[in-house]
Each structure stands twice: as structure tokens, then as C-alpha cells.
Amino acid sequence: MPGTRPGMTPGVCRVLDTISSNQQIFAANRASGRIAVQAVAQDGRTRRARVHEAGSLRVRFPNRADALEAVFVNTAGGMTGGDRFSISLAVGEDAHLIAGTAAAEKIYRSTGADAEMALTLNVAAGGRLAWLPQETILFDRARLTRSIEIDLAENAALIMTEAVILGRAAMGEAMNNGLFSDRWRLRRSGRLIFAENARLDGAIAGKLARRAVTAGGIAIATVLVAPGDETAIAPVRALVGAGEIGISAWNGIAVARLVAHDGAALRHDLRAVLAALGQSVPRLWLQ
């Protein structure tokens, strides 16, 4: 009989065929995007040597005198389960690149699959990179898996922020359940100097309420600076009026952690930390 399989009734076969068809339709409707940017120093300025765009990610380059600025746009308007995005930035010798996003990235509810984000940063000798995206906002039942791979030459410089908001408090929303999995690896001249895995899974709101986690805070951020030492981070420790901020320096890098009760407070504190580190924020942060 057409459509039957050994050991299965026609009814079972039809169910399996329907499931397979639905999975194919789901996969075909998932968003994907890839950006690869290579920046080089030329005639005293940083210029684009290579730009690759694919899928729903786009990159624009606003005019800026002191550095090359790259702004990334997700034309899909957000991410959900099964979407896959990747960004790769390569900064050549003595080049200076400032990169970020046009808006906060929104991760919507998933029916089971994870949204996947991959960020790869490479900075050559004498190069400088500032990775300053706006926040990543996770809605209830969102599932996000993210990986960040960084490779710096011996005298390359990096400052980067990553902010995550777990539910929009201003809209009366909470991320009660879901997944946020984050993997960071930083290498200096090929040698691993920083590695971190973070994971919030299941009943996230309940875990955030614990004092040892965020004591009810729903907005978190990491700022990584390389090179970084005690002298560099002293202005951050001297901040007055900022929220929950901790910063440490070791292994030639500095890492700051921030926790806030909502996204607006986190952004305020992030701007204060970056200013203390001598880094201005992109103009899009101010709009």
C-alpha cells in the first residue's frame, strides 16, 4: 500500500509523514543571517577591506572621523527558536573598529528549538576593537544559546559589553521559563586566558529571585577589557551612585559585572562604567 512502511499501519505512517512535513516547513521558515567584516588601516584611516552579508543581517557604516563604525541590523525584527545568526569581525594591524547594533535584539518564545547566536572577534597587532551592542531582550519561554570566541594578538586592545534583559519589567512582563546559555572564550596570541560558561534554564524567574543569583534583578551585563589592570579599573571602583557593579583584573584583562532591576537602570550603569573606562557609547544608544 502506498505510504506504508514495514511494521507500521497506514495511520501511523500518515502521522509520521505529517510530523516530518511540519518539521520541514518549520525549518524552511527559520531566519538565518551572517555578517563578516574585515577592517584594515590604510593611509592613516581604518577602511573596509571585506564585507559579507547573508540572510536577514545587514551592516551599515555611519560616517565617523576617529574610527570605522559598523552598525548591524536584523531585518527579521528579532529571533525565535531555530533561528541562527553569526557575526565575525576581523580588525587588522593598527586598525580601529567600533561595532554595535541598531536596536536591542529581541528573542521571542520558542516551541522547543534554541535560537543560536555566534560572535567571533579577531584583532591583530596594534588593532583596537570596541564591541558595544545594545541589549538582548529575552521574552518568556525564549531559548537562546550564544557563543563568543575572541582571539587577540599580543598588543591588540578590546573593550566589549554584552547586556541581557530577562523580561521587560516596564511592560509588566517576566521571563518565567526558558533558556539562556552563554559560552565565552578569550585567547591572547592563541593562549586561552578567559573561559566562562553561564546557563539559566527552566524556572528562570524563580532562580533570579535567589539572593545568590541576582536577588530579583532581571538585567545583567558583562564588560570585558583587554588589556586591563588595577590602574585601569580604579575609576570604575570609584563610581558614586551607580548600581550593583563589581570589577576585577587578572591575567592581563578586566571584567565588570552589572546587575539591575530593569533595562533602563542597567543602561545607565553601563554608560557610567564605559565612561569611567574612557569609552564613549555609540550615538544609537542615545536615541
C-alpha atoms as a PDB file:
ATOM      1  CA  MET A   1       0.000   0.000   0.000  1.00  0.00           C
ATOM      2  CA  PRO A   2       1.448   3.476  -0.884  1.00  0.00           C
ATOM      3  CA  GLY A   3       2.778   5.368   2.109  1.00  0.00           C
ATOM      4  CA  THR A   4       3.122   2.346   4.370  1.00  0.00           C
ATOM      5  CA  ARG A   5       6.357   1.211   5.966  1.00  0.00           C
ATOM      6  CA  PRO A   6       7.374  -2.216   7.235  1.00  0.00           C
ATOM      7  CA  GLY A   7       5.830  -2.917  10.634  1.00  0.00           C
ATOM      8  CA  MET A   8       3.640   0.219  10.615  1.00  0.00           C
ATOM      9  CA  THR A   9      -0.040   0.717   9.959  1.00  0.00           C
ATOM     10  CA  PRO A  10      -1.172   3.292   7.367  1.00  0.00           C
ATOM     11  CA  GLY A  11      -2.471   5.548  10.138  1.00  0.00           C
ATOM     12  CA  VAL A  12       0.880   5.628  11.916  1.00  0.00           C
ATOM     13  CA  CYS A  13       2.641   6.321   8.613  1.00  0.00           C
ATOM     14  CA  ARG A  14       0.353   9.274   7.916  1.00  0.00           C
ATOM     15  CA  VAL A  15       1.075  10.741  11.358  1.00  0.00           C
ATOM     16  CA  LEU A  16       4.823  10.385  10.841  1.00  0.00           C
ATOM     17  CA  ASP A  17       4.592  11.930   7.385  1.00  0.00           C
ATOM     18  CA  THR A  18       2.649  14.873   8.827  1.00  0.00           C
ATOM     19  CA  ILE A  19       5.244  15.381  11.573  1.00  0.00           C
ATOM     20  CA  SER A  20       8.080  15.249   9.034  1.00  0.00           C
ATOM     21  CA  SER A  21       6.279  17.715   6.768  1.00  0.00           C
ATOM     22  CA  ASN A  22       5.661  20.116   9.663  1.00  0.00           C
ATOM     23  CA  GLN A  23       9.336  19.927  10.673  1.00  0.00           C
ATOM     24  CA  GLN A  24      10.413  20.737   7.117  1.00  0.00           C
ATOM     25  CA  ILE A  25       8.033  23.712   6.975  1.00  0.00           C
ATOM     26  CA  PHE A  26       9.306  24.931  10.370  1.00  0.00           C
ATOM     27  CA  ALA A  27      12.937  24.668   9.220  1.00  0.00           C
ATOM     28  CA  ALA A  28      12.187  26.476   5.960  1.00  0.00           C
ATOM     29  CA  ASN A  29      10.664  29.407   7.840  1.00  0.00           C
ATOM     30  CA  ARG A  30      13.524  29.914  10.277  1.00  0.00           C
ATOM     31  CA  ALA A  31      15.603  33.072   9.922  1.00  0.00           C
ATOM     32  CA  SER A  32      19.333  32.914   9.386  1.00  0.00           C
ATOM     33  CA  GLY A  33      21.933  35.594   8.947  1.00  0.00           C
ATOM     34  CA  ARG A  34      25.675  36.016   8.698  1.00  0.00           C
ATOM     35  CA  ILE A  35      27.910  39.073   8.693  1.00  0.00           C
ATOM     36  CA  ALA A  36      31.688  39.078   8.182  1.00  0.00           C
ATOM     37  CA  VAL A  37      33.594  42.374   8.294  1.00  0.00           C
ATOM     38  CA  GLN A  38      37.323  42.875   7.839  1.00  0.00           C
ATOM     39  CA  ALA A  39      38.764  46.280   8.727  1.00  0.00           C
ATOM     40  CA  VAL A  40      42.280  47.437   7.805  1.00  0.00           C
ATOM     41  CA  ALA A  41      44.410  50.524   8.411  1.00  0.00           C
ATOM     42  CA  GLN A  42      45.184  52.438   5.228  1.00  0.00           C
ATOM     43  CA  ASP A  43      46.607  55.932   4.762  1.00  0.00           C
ATOM     44  CA  GLY A  44      46.090  56.751   8.414  1.00  0.00           C
ATOM     45  CA  ARG A  45      42.432  55.681   8.441  1.00  0.00           C
ATOM     46  CA  THR A  46      40.512  52.464   9.039  1.00  0.00           C
ATOM     47  CA  ARG A  47      38.685  51.195   5.980  1.00  0.00           C
ATOM     48  CA  ARG A  48      36.549  48.249   4.984  1.00  0.00           C
ATOM     49  CA  ALA A  49      38.575  45.539   3.267  1.00  0.00           C
ATOM     50  CA  ARG A  50      35.818  42.949   3.096  1.00  0.00           C
ATOM     51  CA  VAL A  51      32.109  42.916   3.914  1.00  0.00           C
ATOM     52  CA  HIS A  52      29.909  39.841   3.590  1.00  0.00           C
ATOM     53  CA  GLU A  53      26.152  39.850   4.252  1.00  0.00           C
ATOM     54  CA  ALA A  54      23.794  36.888   4.107  1.00  0.00           C
ATOM     55  CA  GLY A  55      20.228  36.251   5.199  1.00  0.00           C
ATOM     56  CA  SER A  56      18.461  38.771   7.395  1.00  0.00           C
ATOM     57  CA  LEU A  57      21.546  40.505   8.822  1.00  0.00           C
ATOM     58  CA  ARG A  58      22.777  43.786   7.362  1.00  0.00           C
ATOM     59  CA  VAL A  59      25.631  46.125   8.275  1.00  0.00           C
ATOM     60  CA  ARG A  60      25.865  49.872   7.753  1.00  0.00           C
ATOM     61  CA  PHE A  61      28.819  52.218   8.222  1.00  0.00           C
ATOM     62  CA  PRO A  62      27.949  55.707   9.570  1.00  0.00           C
ATOM     63  CA  ASN A  63      30.472  58.458   8.887  1.00  0.00           C
ATOM     64  CA  ARG A  64      32.943  58.810  11.719  1.00  0.00           C
ATOM     65  CA  ALA A  65      36.286  60.627  11.741  1.00  0.00           C
ATOM     66  CA  ASP A  66      38.174  58.822  14.506  1.00  0.00           C
ATOM     67  CA  ALA A  67      37.389  55.185  13.624  1.00  0.00           C
ATOM     68  CA  LEU A  68      35.395  52.926  11.342  1.00  0.00           C
ATOM     69  CA  GLU A  69      31.945  52.286  12.817  1.00  0.00           C
ATOM     70  CA  ALA A  70      29.808  49.271  11.896  1.00  0.00           C
ATOM     71  CA  VAL A  71      26.122  49.055  12.841  1.00  0.00           C
ATOM     72  CA  PHE A  72      24.296  45.735  12.499  1.00  0.00           C
ATOM     73  CA  VAL A  73      20.607  45.437  11.650  1.00  0.00           C
ATOM     74  CA  ASN A  74      18.432  42.338  11.948  1.00  0.00           C
ATOM     75  CA  THR A  75      15.775  42.788   9.261  1.00  0.00           C
ATOM     76  CA  ALA A  76      13.839  39.821  10.684  1.00  0.00           C
ATOM     77  CA  GLY A  77      12.877  42.017  13.649  1.00  0.00           C
ATOM     78  CA  GLY A  78      14.036  39.533  16.271  1.00  0.00           C
ATOM     79  CA  MET A  79      14.825  35.857  16.795  1.00  0.00           C
ATOM     80  CA  THR A  80      12.915  32.780  17.847  1.00  0.00           C
ATOM     81  CA  GLY A  81      13.527  29.042  18.149  1.00  0.00           C
ATOM     82  CA  GLY A  82      15.544  27.617  15.263  1.00  0.00           C
ATOM     83  CA  ASP A  83      16.932  30.975  14.042  1.00  0.00           C
ATOM     84  CA  ARG A  84      20.702  31.111  13.559  1.00  0.00           C
ATOM     85  CA  PHE A  85      22.807  34.266  13.341  1.00  0.00           C
ATOM     86  CA  SER A  86      26.564  34.790  13.270  1.00  0.00           C
ATOM     87  CA  ILE A  87      28.790  37.863  13.230  1.00  0.00           C
ATOM     88  CA  SER A  88      32.521  37.757  12.519  1.00  0.00           C
ATOM     89  CA  LEU A  89      34.765  40.810  12.918  1.00  0.00           C
ATOM     90  CA  ALA A  90      38.441  40.916  11.918  1.00  0.00           C
ATOM     91  CA  VAL A  91      40.462  44.018  12.782  1.00  0.00           C
ATOM     92  CA  GLY A  92      43.805  44.359  11.000  1.00  0.00           C
ATOM     93  CA  GLU A  93      47.087  45.759  12.289  1.00  0.00           C
ATOM     94  CA  ASP A  94      46.701  49.276  13.732  1.00  0.00           C
ATOM     95  CA  ALA A  95      43.050  49.456  12.606  1.00  0.00           C
ATOM     96  CA  HIS A  96      40.290  50.792  14.879  1.00  0.00           C
ATOM     97  CA  LEU A  97      36.740  49.449  14.648  1.00  0.00           C
ATOM     98  CA  ILE A  98      33.696  50.345  16.723  1.00  0.00           C
ATOM     99  CA  ALA A  99      30.773  47.955  16.228  1.00  0.00           C
ATOM    100  CA  GLY A 100      27.289  47.555  17.651  1.00  0.00           C
ATOM    101  CA  THR A 101      23.620  47.084  16.842  1.00  0.00           C
ATOM    102  CA  ALA A 102      20.948  49.486  15.639  1.00  0.00           C
ATOM    103  CA  ALA A 103      18.474  48.307  18.283  1.00  0.00           C
ATOM    104  CA  ALA A 104      18.043  45.826  21.099  1.00  0.00           C
ATOM    105  CA  GLU A 105      17.884  42.232  19.877  1.00  0.00           C
ATOM    106  CA  LYS A 106      14.629  40.504  20.864  1.00  0.00           C
ATOM    107  CA  ILE A 107      14.441  36.753  21.481  1.00  0.00           C
ATOM    108  CA  TYR A 108      10.843  35.561  21.310  1.00  0.00           C
ATOM    109  CA  ARG A 109       9.070  32.500  22.664  1.00  0.00           C
ATOM    110  CA  SER A 110      10.185  29.146  21.249  1.00  0.00           C
ATOM    111  CA  THR A 111       8.196  25.959  20.803  1.00  0.00           C
ATOM    112  CA  GLY A 112      11.280  23.918  21.635  1.00  0.00           C
ATOM    113  CA  ALA A 113      14.296  24.714  19.450  1.00  0.00           C
ATOM    114  CA  ASP A 114      17.002  27.151  20.538  1.00  0.00           C
ATOM    115  CA  ALA A 115      17.816  30.420  18.823  1.00  0.00           C
ATOM    116  CA  GLU A 116      21.561  30.422  18.173  1.00  0.00           C
ATOM    117  CA  MET A 117      23.945  33.363  18.102  1.00  0.00           C
ATOM    118  CA  ALA A 118      27.685  33.150  17.358  1.00  0.00           C
ATOM    119  CA  LEU A 119      30.122  36.051  17.691  1.00  0.00           C
ATOM    120  CA  THR A 120      33.751  35.793  16.532  1.00  0.00           C
ATOM    121  CA  LEU A 121      36.209  38.641  17.173  1.00  0.00           C
ATOM    122  CA  ASN A 122      39.801  38.715  15.884  1.00  0.00           C
ATOM    123  CA  VAL A 123      42.126  41.675  16.483  1.00  0.00           C
ATOM    124  CA  ALA A 124      45.632  41.851  15.005  1.00  0.00           C
ATOM    125  CA  ALA A 125      48.712  43.566  16.451  1.00  0.00           C
ATOM    126  CA  GLY A 126      48.071  47.201  17.295  1.00  0.00           C
ATOM    127  CA  GLY A 127      44.400  46.881  16.411  1.00  0.00           C
ATOM    128  CA  ARG A 128      41.566  48.165  18.586  1.00  0.00           C
ATOM    129  CA  LEU A 129      38.007  46.889  18.713  1.00  0.00           C
ATOM    130  CA  ALA A 130      35.030  48.216  20.670  1.00  0.00           C
ATOM    131  CA  TRP A 131      32.073  45.806  20.561  1.00  0.00           C
ATOM    132  CA  LEU A 132      29.143  47.763  22.003  1.00  0.00           C
ATOM    133  CA  PRO A 133      25.791  46.243  21.029  1.00  0.00           C
ATOM    134  CA  GLN A 134      22.501  47.254  22.574  1.00  0.00           C
ATOM    135  CA  GLU A 135      20.722  44.859  24.929  1.00  0.00           C
ATOM    136  CA  THR A 136      19.491  41.369  24.170  1.00  0.00           C
ATOM    137  CA  ILE A 137      15.913  41.017  25.485  1.00  0.00           C
ATOM    138  CA  LEU A 138      14.542  37.557  26.241  1.00  0.00           C
ATOM    139  CA  PHE A 139      10.775  37.079  26.379  1.00  0.00           C
ATOM    140  CA  ASP A 140       9.023  34.397  28.409  1.00  0.00           C
ATOM    141  CA  ARG A 141       9.806  30.869  27.130  1.00  0.00           C
ATOM    142  CA  ALA A 142      12.573  32.142  24.871  1.00  0.00           C
ATOM    143  CA  ARG A 143      15.523  29.829  24.318  1.00  0.00           C
ATOM    144  CA  LEU A 144      18.901  31.315  23.401  1.00  0.00           C
ATOM    145  CA  THR A 145      22.280  29.637  23.002  1.00  0.00           C
ATOM    146  CA  ARG A 146      25.152  32.039  22.411  1.00  0.00           C
ATOM    147  CA  SER A 147      28.886  31.562  21.846  1.00  0.00           C
ATOM    148  CA  ILE A 148      31.571  34.255  21.851  1.00  0.00           C
ATOM    149  CA  GLU A 149      35.059  33.456  20.517  1.00  0.00           C
ATOM    150  CA  ILE A 150      37.785  36.109  20.803  1.00  0.00           C
ATOM    151  CA  ASP A 151      41.381  35.976  19.569  1.00  0.00           C
ATOM    152  CA  LEU A 152      43.690  38.919  20.266  1.00  0.00           C
ATOM    153  CA  ALA A 153      47.248  39.491  19.143  1.00  0.00           C
ATOM    154  CA  GLU A 154      49.770  40.227  21.886  1.00  0.00           C
ATOM    155  CA  ASN A 155      49.316  44.015  21.831  1.00  0.00           C
ATOM    156  CA  ALA A 156      45.764  44.224  20.495  1.00  0.00           C
ATOM    157  CA  ALA A 157      43.087  46.034  22.511  1.00  0.00           C
ATOM    158  CA  LEU A 158      39.448  45.170  23.108  1.00  0.00           C
ATOM    159  CA  ILE A 159      36.560  46.622  25.065  1.00  0.00           C
ATOM    160  CA  MET A 160      33.202  44.912  24.830  1.00  0.00           C
ATOM    161  CA  THR A 161      29.831  44.800  26.527  1.00  0.00           C
ATOM    162  CA  GLU A 162      27.040  42.255  26.483  1.00  0.00           C
ATOM    163  CA  ALA A 163      23.797  43.113  28.268  1.00  0.00           C
ATOM    164  CA  VAL A 164      20.864  40.741  28.711  1.00  0.00           C
ATOM    165  CA  ILE A 165      17.375  41.607  29.951  1.00  0.00           C
ATOM    166  CA  LEU A 166      15.248  38.685  31.130  1.00  0.00           C
ATOM    167  CA  GLY A 167      11.732  40.045  30.692  1.00  0.00           C
ATOM    168  CA  ARG A 168      10.569  43.647  30.148  1.00  0.00           C
ATOM    169  CA  ALA A 169       9.657  45.000  33.557  1.00  0.00           C
ATOM    170  CA  ALA A 170       8.275  48.259  32.111  1.00  0.00           C
ATOM    171  CA  MET A 171       5.699  46.215  30.163  1.00  0.00           C
ATOM    172  CA  GLY A 172       4.770  44.078  33.157  1.00  0.00           C
ATOM    173  CA  GLU A 173       6.452  41.052  31.576  1.00  0.00           C
ATOM    174  CA  ALA A 174       8.658  38.427  33.182  1.00  0.00           C
ATOM    175  CA  MET A 175      10.742  35.596  31.811  1.00  0.00           C
ATOM    176  CA  ASN A 176       9.286  32.858  33.948  1.00  0.00           C
ATOM    177  CA  ASN A 177      10.660  29.926  31.966  1.00  0.00           C
ATOM    178  CA  GLY A 178      13.146  29.429  29.173  1.00  0.00           C
ATOM    179  CA  LEU A 179      16.842  29.016  28.467  1.00  0.00           C
ATOM    180  CA  PHE A 180      19.834  31.324  28.318  1.00  0.00           C
ATOM    181  CA  SER A 181      23.144  29.554  27.659  1.00  0.00           C
ATOM    182  CA  ASP A 182      26.272  31.661  27.182  1.00  0.00           C
ATOM    183  CA  ARG A 183      29.808  30.494  26.317  1.00  0.00           C
ATOM    184  CA  TRP A 184      32.817  32.875  26.233  1.00  0.00           C
ATOM    185  CA  ARG A 185      36.397  32.058  25.189  1.00  0.00           C
ATOM    186  CA  LEU A 186      39.179  34.672  25.014  1.00  0.00           C
ATOM    187  CA  ARG A 187      42.652  33.887  23.677  1.00  0.00           C
ATOM    188  CA  ARG A 188      45.711  36.116  23.585  1.00  0.00           C
ATOM    189  CA  SER A 189      48.131  35.028  20.820  1.00  0.00           C
ATOM    190  CA  GLY A 190      46.372  31.665  20.788  1.00  0.00           C
ATOM    191  CA  ARG A 191      46.666  31.129  24.556  1.00  0.00           C
ATOM    192  CA  LEU A 192      43.401  30.759  26.462  1.00  0.00           C
ATOM    193  CA  ILE A 193      43.213  33.436  29.189  1.00  0.00           C
ATOM    194  CA  PHE A 194      39.486  33.624  29.909  1.00  0.00           C
ATOM    195  CA  ALA A 195      36.787  30.967  29.703  1.00  0.00           C
ATOM    196  CA  GLU A 196      33.268  31.115  31.053  1.00  0.00           C
ATOM    197  CA  ASN A 197      30.036  29.187  30.684  1.00  0.00           C
ATOM    198  CA  ALA A 198      26.764  30.535  32.089  1.00  0.00           C
ATOM    199  CA  ARG A 199      23.387  28.826  31.970  1.00  0.00           C
ATOM    200  CA  LEU A 200      19.902  29.706  33.194  1.00  0.00           C
ATOM    201  CA  ASP A 201      17.370  27.011  32.403  1.00  0.00           C
ATOM    202  CA  GLY A 202      13.829  26.089  33.391  1.00  0.00           C
ATOM    203  CA  ALA A 203      12.128  28.272  36.002  1.00  0.00           C
ATOM    204  CA  ILE A 204      14.328  31.324  35.403  1.00  0.00           C
ATOM    205  CA  ALA A 205      12.283  33.883  37.339  1.00  0.00           C
ATOM    206  CA  GLY A 206      12.494  31.762  40.469  1.00  0.00           C
ATOM    207  CA  LYS A 207      16.249  31.393  40.104  1.00  0.00           C
ATOM    208  CA  LEU A 208      16.767  35.118  39.583  1.00  0.00           C
ATOM    209  CA  ALA A 209      14.887  35.788  42.826  1.00  0.00           C
ATOM    210  CA  ARG A 210      17.578  33.996  44.817  1.00  0.00           C
ATOM    211  CA  ARG A 211      19.954  36.287  46.648  1.00  0.00           C
ATOM    212  CA  ALA A 212      22.996  34.376  45.408  1.00  0.00           C
ATOM    213  CA  VAL A 213      21.915  34.870  41.769  1.00  0.00           C
ATOM    214  CA  THR A 214      20.568  38.408  41.173  1.00  0.00           C
ATOM    215  CA  ALA A 215      18.289  38.979  44.198  1.00  0.00           C
ATOM    216  CA  GLY A 216      15.393  39.728  41.866  1.00  0.00           C
ATOM    217  CA  GLY A 217      17.328  41.709  39.256  1.00  0.00           C
ATOM    218  CA  ILE A 218      16.342  40.921  35.679  1.00  0.00           C
ATOM    219  CA  ALA A 219      19.021  42.900  33.812  1.00  0.00           C
ATOM    220  CA  ILE A 220      22.629  41.695  33.732  1.00  0.00           C
ATOM    221  CA  ALA A 221      25.730  42.730  31.825  1.00  0.00           C
ATOM    222  CA  THR A 222      29.395  41.916  31.388  1.00  0.00           C
ATOM    223  CA  VAL A 223      32.092  44.373  30.344  1.00  0.00           C
ATOM    224  CA  LEU A 224      35.421  42.891  29.258  1.00  0.00           C
ATOM    225  CA  VAL A 225      38.562  44.990  28.777  1.00  0.00           C
ATOM    226  CA  ALA A 226      41.889  43.808  27.391  1.00  0.00           C
ATOM    227  CA  PRO A 227      44.443  44.807  28.363  1.00  0.00           C
ATOM    228  CA  GLY A 228      43.191  45.608  31.834  1.00  0.00           C
ATOM    229  CA  ASP A 229      44.850  46.090  35.218  1.00  0.00           C
ATOM    230  CA  GLU A 230      44.171  47.586  38.646  1.00  0.00           C
ATOM    231  CA  THR A 231      45.076  51.080  37.484  1.00  0.00           C
ATOM    232  CA  ALA A 232      42.643  50.912  34.580  1.00  0.00           C
ATOM    233  CA  ILE A 233      39.718  49.776  36.713  1.00  0.00           C
ATOM    234  CA  ALA A 234      40.252  52.197  39.616  1.00  0.00           C
ATOM    235  CA  PRO A 235      37.846  54.807  38.116  1.00  0.00           C
ATOM    236  CA  VAL A 236      35.099  52.162  37.956  1.00  0.00           C
ATOM    237  CA  ARG A 237      35.567  51.301  41.618  1.00  0.00           C
ATOM    238  CA  ALA A 238      35.343  54.997  42.442  1.00  0.00           C
ATOM    239  CA  LEU A 239      31.922  55.421  40.820  1.00  0.00           C
ATOM    240  CA  VAL A 240      29.333  57.014  43.104  1.00  0.00           C
ATOM    241  CA  GLY A 241      25.591  56.499  42.683  1.00  0.00           C
ATOM    242  CA  ALA A 242      25.816  53.560  40.313  1.00  0.00           C
ATOM    243  CA  GLY A 243      24.016  50.286  40.981  1.00  0.00           C
ATOM    244  CA  GLU A 244      25.290  46.766  41.586  1.00  0.00           C
ATOM    245  CA  ILE A 245      28.707  46.739  39.889  1.00  0.00           C
ATOM    246  CA  GLY A 246      31.742  44.596  40.557  1.00  0.00           C
ATOM    247  CA  ILE A 247      35.029  44.631  38.643  1.00  0.00           C
ATOM    248  CA  SER A 248      38.237  42.608  38.857  1.00  0.00           C
ATOM    249  CA  ALA A 249      41.522  42.472  36.945  1.00  0.00           C
ATOM    250  CA  TRP A 250      43.689  39.410  36.411  1.00  0.00           C
ATOM    251  CA  ASN A 251      45.610  37.656  33.660  1.00  0.00           C
ATOM    252  CA  GLY A 252      46.008  40.968  31.830  1.00  0.00           C
ATOM    253  CA  ILE A 253      42.261  41.546  31.460  1.00  0.00           C
ATOM    254  CA  ALA A 254      39.496  43.245  33.435  1.00  0.00           C
ATOM    255  CA  VAL A 255      35.903  42.055  33.769  1.00  0.00           C
ATOM    256  CA  ALA A 256      32.991  44.024  35.200  1.00  0.00           C
ATOM    257  CA  ARG A 257      29.639  42.506  36.202  1.00  0.00           C
ATOM    258  CA  LEU A 258      26.448  44.517  36.482  1.00  0.00           C
ATOM    259  CA  VAL A 259      23.001  43.653  37.845  1.00  0.00           C
ATOM    260  CA  ALA A 260      19.969  45.947  37.774  1.00  0.00           C
ATOM    261  CA  HIS A 261      16.244  45.752  38.433  1.00  0.00           C
ATOM    262  CA  ASP A 262      15.365  46.752  34.845  1.00  0.00           C
ATOM    263  CA  GLY A 263      16.850  47.623  31.475  1.00  0.00           C
ATOM    264  CA  ALA A 264      16.841  51.394  31.946  1.00  0.00           C
ATOM    265  CA  ALA A 265      18.847  51.159  35.172  1.00  0.00           C
ATOM    266  CA  LEU A 266      21.286  48.745  33.563  1.00  0.00           C
ATOM    267  CA  ARG A 267      21.892  51.046  30.602  1.00  0.00           C
ATOM    268  CA  HIS A 268      22.511  53.967  32.964  1.00  0.00           C
ATOM    269  CA  ASP A 269      25.086  51.934  34.883  1.00  0.00           C
ATOM    270  CA  LEU A 270      26.712  50.601  31.697  1.00  0.00           C
ATOM    271  CA  ARG A 271      27.221  54.114  30.384  1.00  0.00           C
ATOM    272  CA  ALA A 272      28.806  55.105  33.691  1.00  0.00           C
ATOM    273  CA  VAL A 273      31.194  52.127  33.597  1.00  0.00           C
ATOM    274  CA  LEU A 274      32.187  52.729  29.976  1.00  0.00           C
ATOM    275  CA  ALA A 275      32.769  56.434  30.655  1.00  0.00           C
ATOM    276  CA  ALA A 276      34.983  55.539  33.616  1.00  0.00           C
ATOM    277  CA  LEU A 277      36.958  53.273  31.282  1.00  0.00           C
ATOM    278  CA  GLY A 278      37.326  56.104  28.747  1.00  0.00           C
ATOM    279  CA  GLN A 279      34.900  54.658  26.200  1.00  0.00           C
ATOM    280  CA  SER A 280      32.020  56.699  24.793  1.00  0.00           C
ATOM    281  CA  VAL A 281      28.856  54.903  23.720  1.00  0.00           C
ATOM    282  CA  PRO A 282      27.608  54.820  20.117  1.00  0.00           C
ATOM    283  CA  ARG A 283      25.151  57.572  19.160  1.00  0.00           C
ATOM    284  CA  LEU A 284      22.411  54.995  18.631  1.00  0.00           C
ATOM    285  CA  TRP A 285      22.471  54.247  22.385  1.00  0.00           C
ATOM    286  CA  LEU A 286      21.326  57.804  22.995  1.00  0.00           C
ATOM    287  CA  GLN A 287      18.291  57.775  20.708  1.00  0.00           C
END
